[in-house]
Amino acid sequence: MALTFVGDLNLRISLTCAEGPCNLANHRREHDRGCRPNGDPLRLLLETRDVGRVTIVRCKGRLVSGSEAEALRAHVTWILRDRRSIVLHLGDVVFIDSSGLGTMVRTLTSTRQVHGDLKLCDVPESIRKVLELSHLHKLFDSHETEDHAVAAFYRTPVQAEKPVSLGRSVLCVDRNADVVTYVRELLRRAGYDVHTSNNLRDALILMRVSRFDLLLVGAELSASPATEKSFRDLCAAVPLIELGTEFSTLDAGEAASALLEKIAAQLQLAS
């Protein structure tokens, strides 16, 4: 079985209802939906990204019996190694069958068994109707957008992610995934409560749902003018340290020591 990753992990499920009352029998057969112009079926593509403590999985294509359903189950199992808050973005799913629905239920169950939780967002109308028909809409916590789903996790953190005690809260934003991972682990081991993002839009979501004592911002970050302005406005009230372009190429030990010293000094000034 092969997993296909495109950029960040995205998951989408798409259904088509025939005219008339929506029920499972009204959906076109699998080979009639979710196909390319040449008739070949669309593969399920999973794209992932972390927004703070939340992992967003975006699906594109079909969620059906066989390799597609197995790919989703395997990927969520992989995420659950060290993450507990998962959002399935379903806005681009083109077809889902009964096995696909069963996979969603099993995925939710396996997440809750390890004291995590899974929410849905951007659920297409066709899938929403099937969830209601099968009474599964009461099982899943669904939200209109990614922003709302992430905010819901921050309002009520899952039990497994509630730390016994928190240090000062730091948000790190950098395009380089390796830098973000290194800084996150470095600061966690130093006792900080660390949240990370690879782009300004996701960082803006986090800043709207949580309060941070310090921002670490990488170089060459860009977004839409409106997002950049909103981010700058929020940054004005929070101490900020810039990670220069050279940070990723510095000796790891020296970079770590220098960064920890800067953070301690900045937080002391702000207190």
Protein backbone atom coordinates (compact mmCIF):
# COMPACT_ATOMS: atom_id res chain seq x y z
CA MET A 1 0.00 0.00 0.00
CA ALA A 2 1.37 3.41 -0.93
CA LEU A 3 0.51 6.73 0.69
CA THR A 4 0.54 9.79 -1.55
CA PHE A 5 1.40 13.09 0.10
CA VAL A 6 1.03 16.44 -1.63
CA GLY A 7 2.49 19.38 0.31
CA ASP A 8 0.68 19.49 3.59
CA LEU A 9 -1.76 16.68 4.29
CA ASN A 10 -5.32 17.40 3.06
CA LEU A 11 -8.28 15.06 3.06
CA ARG A 12 -11.44 15.52 1.05
CA ILE A 13 -14.47 13.30 0.35
CA SER A 14 -16.91 13.93 -2.44
CA LEU A 15 -20.40 12.52 -2.96
CA THR A 16 -23.07 13.15 -5.50
CA CYS A 17 -26.74 12.76 -4.73
CA ALA A 18 -29.25 11.86 -7.39
CA GLU A 19 -32.35 14.03 -7.56
CA GLY A 20 -35.01 13.22 -5.01
CA PRO A 21 -34.73 12.24 -1.34
CA CYS A 22 -31.14 11.67 -0.31
CA ASN A 23 -30.36 8.11 0.66
CA LEU A 24 -27.52 5.72 0.03
CA ALA A 25 -29.37 4.08 -2.82
CA ASN A 26 -29.63 7.40 -4.65
CA HIS A 27 -25.87 7.77 -5.03
CA ARG A 28 -24.33 6.88 -8.36
CA ARG A 29 -22.25 3.76 -8.58
CA GLU A 30 -18.62 4.20 -7.64
CA HIS A 31 -17.34 3.76 -11.20
CA ASP A 32 -19.61 6.60 -12.39
CA ARG A 33 -18.29 9.20 -9.93
CA GLY A 34 -14.91 10.54 -8.92
CA CYS A 35 -13.27 9.79 -12.27
CA ARG A 36 -10.84 11.66 -14.45
CA PRO A 37 -11.96 12.71 -17.97
CA ASN A 38 -10.38 9.52 -19.37
CA GLY A 39 -12.50 7.39 -17.02
CA ASP A 40 -9.71 6.48 -14.58
CA PRO A 41 -10.78 6.77 -10.91
CA LEU A 42 -9.32 9.56 -8.80
CA ARG A 43 -6.88 8.50 -6.12
CA LEU A 44 -7.30 9.70 -2.55
CA LEU A 45 -4.66 12.34 -1.82
CA LEU A 46 -3.92 13.20 1.79
CA GLU A 47 -2.32 16.54 2.63
CA THR A 48 -1.38 17.40 6.21
CA ARG A 49 -0.26 20.40 8.15
CA ASP A 50 0.01 21.28 11.83
CA VAL A 51 -1.68 24.38 13.21
CA GLY A 52 -0.32 24.61 16.73
CA ARG A 53 -1.38 21.47 18.57
CA VAL A 54 -3.95 20.62 15.87
CA THR A 55 -3.23 18.48 12.79
CA ILE A 56 -5.37 19.21 9.73
CA VAL A 57 -5.79 16.35 7.24
CA ARG A 58 -7.23 17.42 3.91
CA CYS A 59 -8.65 14.77 1.56
CA LYS A 60 -8.89 15.04 -2.21
CA GLY A 61 -10.51 12.38 -4.37
CA ARG A 62 -12.56 9.34 -3.36
CA LEU A 63 -12.87 7.68 0.03
CA VAL A 64 -13.86 4.16 -0.93
CA SER A 65 -13.27 0.54 -0.05
CA GLY A 66 -9.76 -0.73 -0.70
CA SER A 67 -6.47 1.16 -0.79
CA GLU A 68 -8.07 4.59 -0.29
CA ALA A 69 -9.76 3.64 3.00
CA GLU A 70 -6.64 1.80 4.15
CA ALA A 71 -4.50 4.85 3.34
CA LEU A 72 -6.62 7.09 5.55
CA ARG A 73 -6.59 4.63 8.46
CA ALA A 74 -2.82 4.15 8.18
CA HIS A 75 -2.16 7.86 8.01
CA VAL A 76 -4.26 8.70 11.07
CA THR A 77 -2.50 5.89 12.95
CA TRP A 78 0.82 7.50 11.99
CA ILE A 79 -0.37 10.92 13.21
CA LEU A 80 -1.51 9.46 16.54
CA ARG A 81 2.05 8.52 17.43
CA ASP A 82 2.50 11.98 18.93
CA ARG A 83 -0.61 14.03 18.10
CA ARG A 84 -4.12 13.89 19.57
CA SER A 85 -6.13 16.71 17.94
CA ILE A 86 -7.10 15.96 14.33
CA VAL A 87 -9.33 17.80 11.85
CA LEU A 88 -10.52 16.04 8.67
CA HIS A 89 -11.13 18.60 5.92
CA LEU A 90 -13.69 17.04 3.59
CA GLY A 91 -14.45 19.90 1.21
CA ASP A 92 -12.92 18.30 -1.91
CA VAL A 93 -14.03 14.69 -1.57
CA VAL A 94 -15.74 13.62 -4.78
CA PHE A 95 -17.19 10.27 -3.75
CA ILE A 96 -17.65 8.24 -0.58
CA ASP A 97 -19.07 4.74 -0.21
CA SER A 98 -20.26 2.76 2.80
CA SER A 99 -16.75 1.51 3.50
CA GLY A 100 -15.53 5.09 3.42
CA LEU A 101 -18.11 6.07 6.04
CA GLY A 102 -17.08 3.07 8.10
CA THR A 103 -13.45 4.17 7.86
CA MET A 104 -14.37 7.61 9.21
CA VAL A 105 -16.11 6.00 12.19
CA ARG A 106 -13.19 3.65 12.86
CA THR A 107 -10.78 6.57 12.60
CA LEU A 108 -12.78 8.55 15.15
CA THR A 109 -12.96 5.53 17.47
CA SER A 110 -9.22 4.84 17.30
CA THR A 111 -8.49 8.52 18.01
CA ARG A 112 -10.72 8.58 21.09
CA GLN A 113 -9.29 5.30 22.34
CA VAL A 114 -5.97 7.10 22.87
CA HIS A 115 -7.76 10.04 24.52
CA GLY A 116 -7.67 12.23 21.43
CA ASP A 117 -10.44 13.65 19.29
CA LEU A 118 -11.27 14.10 15.63
CA LYS A 119 -13.42 16.85 14.15
CA LEU A 120 -14.75 17.44 10.63
CA CYS A 121 -14.78 20.67 8.67
CA ASP A 122 -16.02 21.95 5.31
CA VAL A 123 -18.35 18.96 4.96
CA PRO A 124 -20.07 19.01 1.53
CA GLU A 125 -23.86 19.08 1.55
CA SER A 126 -24.05 15.65 -0.06
CA ILE A 127 -21.91 14.06 2.68
CA ARG A 128 -23.75 15.96 5.39
CA LYS A 129 -27.05 14.47 4.16
CA VAL A 130 -25.61 10.95 4.21
CA LEU A 131 -24.31 11.49 7.76
CA GLU A 132 -27.77 12.63 8.81
CA LEU A 133 -29.46 9.74 7.02
CA SER A 134 -27.22 7.26 8.82
CA HIS A 135 -27.51 9.19 12.14
CA LEU A 136 -23.73 9.62 12.18
CA HIS A 137 -23.95 13.42 12.34
CA LYS A 138 -24.42 13.12 16.11
CA LEU A 139 -21.20 11.14 16.39
CA PHE A 140 -18.96 13.69 14.65
CA ASP A 141 -18.25 17.25 15.75
CA SER A 142 -18.50 19.18 12.46
CA HIS A 143 -17.48 22.78 11.75
CA GLU A 144 -17.90 25.09 8.77
CA THR A 145 -14.24 26.01 8.42
CA GLU A 146 -10.74 24.98 9.50
CA ASP A 147 -10.56 28.12 11.65
CA HIS A 148 -13.66 27.11 13.62
CA ALA A 149 -12.44 23.53 14.09
CA VAL A 150 -9.03 24.67 15.35
CA ALA A 151 -10.67 27.19 17.68
CA ALA A 152 -12.89 24.42 19.09
CA PHE A 153 -9.81 22.38 20.06
CA TYR A 154 -8.25 25.38 21.78
CA ARG A 155 -11.45 26.10 23.72
CA THR A 156 -11.55 22.52 25.00
CA PRO A 157 -8.15 20.74 24.71
CA VAL A 158 -8.32 16.96 24.60
CA GLN A 159 -7.44 15.28 27.88
CA ALA A 160 -4.20 13.73 26.65
CA GLU A 161 -2.86 17.15 25.64
CA LYS A 162 -3.58 19.02 28.87
CA PRO A 163 -0.11 19.57 30.37
CA VAL A 164 0.38 19.21 34.10
CA SER A 165 2.07 22.60 34.21
CA LEU A 166 2.79 25.10 31.47
CA GLY A 167 5.78 27.33 31.01
CA ARG A 168 5.65 30.59 29.09
CA SER A 169 3.77 30.25 25.81
CA VAL A 170 5.73 30.67 22.56
CA LEU A 171 4.54 30.70 18.95
CA CYS A 172 7.16 29.82 16.31
CA VAL A 173 6.42 30.64 12.64
CA ASP A 174 8.85 29.60 9.92
CA ARG A 175 8.57 28.20 6.38
CA ASN A 176 11.28 25.63 7.04
CA ALA A 177 9.63 22.52 8.54
CA ASP A 178 12.98 21.28 9.88
CA VAL A 179 13.59 24.54 11.71
CA VAL A 180 10.09 24.48 13.19
CA THR A 181 10.54 20.89 14.40
CA TYR A 182 13.94 21.62 15.92
CA VAL A 183 12.77 24.78 17.71
CA ARG A 184 9.63 23.06 19.00
CA GLU A 185 11.53 20.20 20.61
CA LEU A 186 14.29 22.48 21.90
CA LEU A 187 11.85 24.80 23.68
CA ARG A 188 9.62 22.02 24.98
CA ARG A 189 12.61 20.41 26.67
CA ALA A 190 13.46 23.82 28.12
CA GLY A 191 10.02 23.97 29.74
CA TYR A 192 8.15 26.23 27.31
CA ASP A 193 4.62 25.70 25.98
CA VAL A 194 5.36 25.75 22.24
CA HIS A 195 3.01 26.11 19.27
CA THR A 196 4.18 26.15 15.66
CA SER A 197 3.07 27.07 12.16
CA ASN A 198 4.63 27.08 8.70
CA ASN A 199 2.68 30.09 7.38
CA LEU A 200 1.20 33.40 8.46
CA ARG A 201 -2.43 32.47 7.87
CA ASP A 202 -2.27 29.53 10.28
CA ALA A 203 -0.28 31.64 12.74
CA LEU A 204 -3.06 34.21 12.62
CA ILE A 205 -5.62 31.52 13.50
CA LEU A 206 -3.55 30.54 16.54
CA MET A 207 -3.10 34.12 17.69
CA ARG A 208 -6.84 34.65 17.58
CA VAL A 209 -7.66 31.60 19.70
CA SER A 210 -4.78 31.65 22.18
CA ARG A 211 -2.51 34.12 23.98
CA PHE A 212 1.27 33.94 23.53
CA ASP A 213 4.04 35.44 25.64
CA LEU A 214 6.55 35.50 22.76
CA LEU A 215 6.69 35.14 18.97
CA LEU A 216 9.57 33.58 16.99
CA VAL A 217 9.22 34.59 13.35
CA GLY A 218 11.30 33.30 10.46
CA ALA A 219 12.47 35.23 7.42
CA GLU A 220 10.77 35.46 4.03
CA LEU A 221 7.26 34.78 5.28
CA SER A 222 4.58 36.12 2.97
CA ALA A 223 0.80 36.03 2.63
CA SER A 224 -2.03 38.13 1.26
CA PRO A 225 -1.82 41.85 2.14
CA ALA A 226 -4.82 41.52 4.47
CA THR A 227 -3.28 38.57 6.33
CA GLU A 228 0.10 40.28 6.65
CA LYS A 229 -1.55 43.44 8.03
CA SER A 230 -3.63 41.47 10.55
CA PHE A 231 -0.54 39.55 11.64
CA ARG A 232 1.49 42.75 12.08
CA ASP A 233 -1.32 44.32 14.09
CA LEU A 234 -1.46 41.37 16.50
CA CYS A 235 2.34 41.22 16.74
CA ALA A 236 2.44 44.79 18.03
CA ALA A 237 1.25 43.63 21.45
CA VAL A 238 3.60 40.62 21.78
CA PRO A 239 7.40 40.47 22.19
CA LEU A 240 8.99 39.18 18.99
CA ILE A 241 12.31 37.58 18.05
CA GLU A 242 13.23 37.22 14.38
CA LEU A 243 14.90 34.01 13.22
CA GLY A 244 17.34 35.22 10.59
CA THR A 245 17.90 33.46 7.28
CA GLU A 246 21.17 32.09 8.68
CA PHE A 247 19.50 30.28 11.59
CA SER A 248 18.95 27.05 9.65
CA THR A 249 22.64 26.79 8.71
CA LEU A 250 24.22 27.68 12.07
CA ASP A 251 25.84 25.05 14.28
CA ALA A 252 22.89 23.44 16.04
CA GLY A 253 24.38 23.73 19.53
CA GLU A 254 25.38 27.37 19.11
CA ALA A 255 22.03 28.25 17.56
CA ALA A 256 20.17 26.60 20.44
CA SER A 257 22.18 28.37 23.14
CA ALA A 258 21.85 31.77 21.49
CA LEU A 259 18.11 31.36 20.94
CA LEU A 260 17.42 30.28 24.53
CA GLU A 261 19.38 33.27 25.82
CA LYS A 262 17.43 35.68 23.60
CA ILE A 263 14.12 34.18 24.68
CA ALA A 264 14.96 34.40 28.37
CA ALA A 265 16.12 38.01 28.01
CA GLN A 266 13.07 39.05 26.00
CA LEU A 267 10.63 37.45 28.43
CA GLN A 268 12.39 39.05 31.39
CA LEU A 269 12.04 42.49 29.77
CA ALA A 270 8.36 41.87 29.09
CA SER A 271 7.55 40.73 32.63
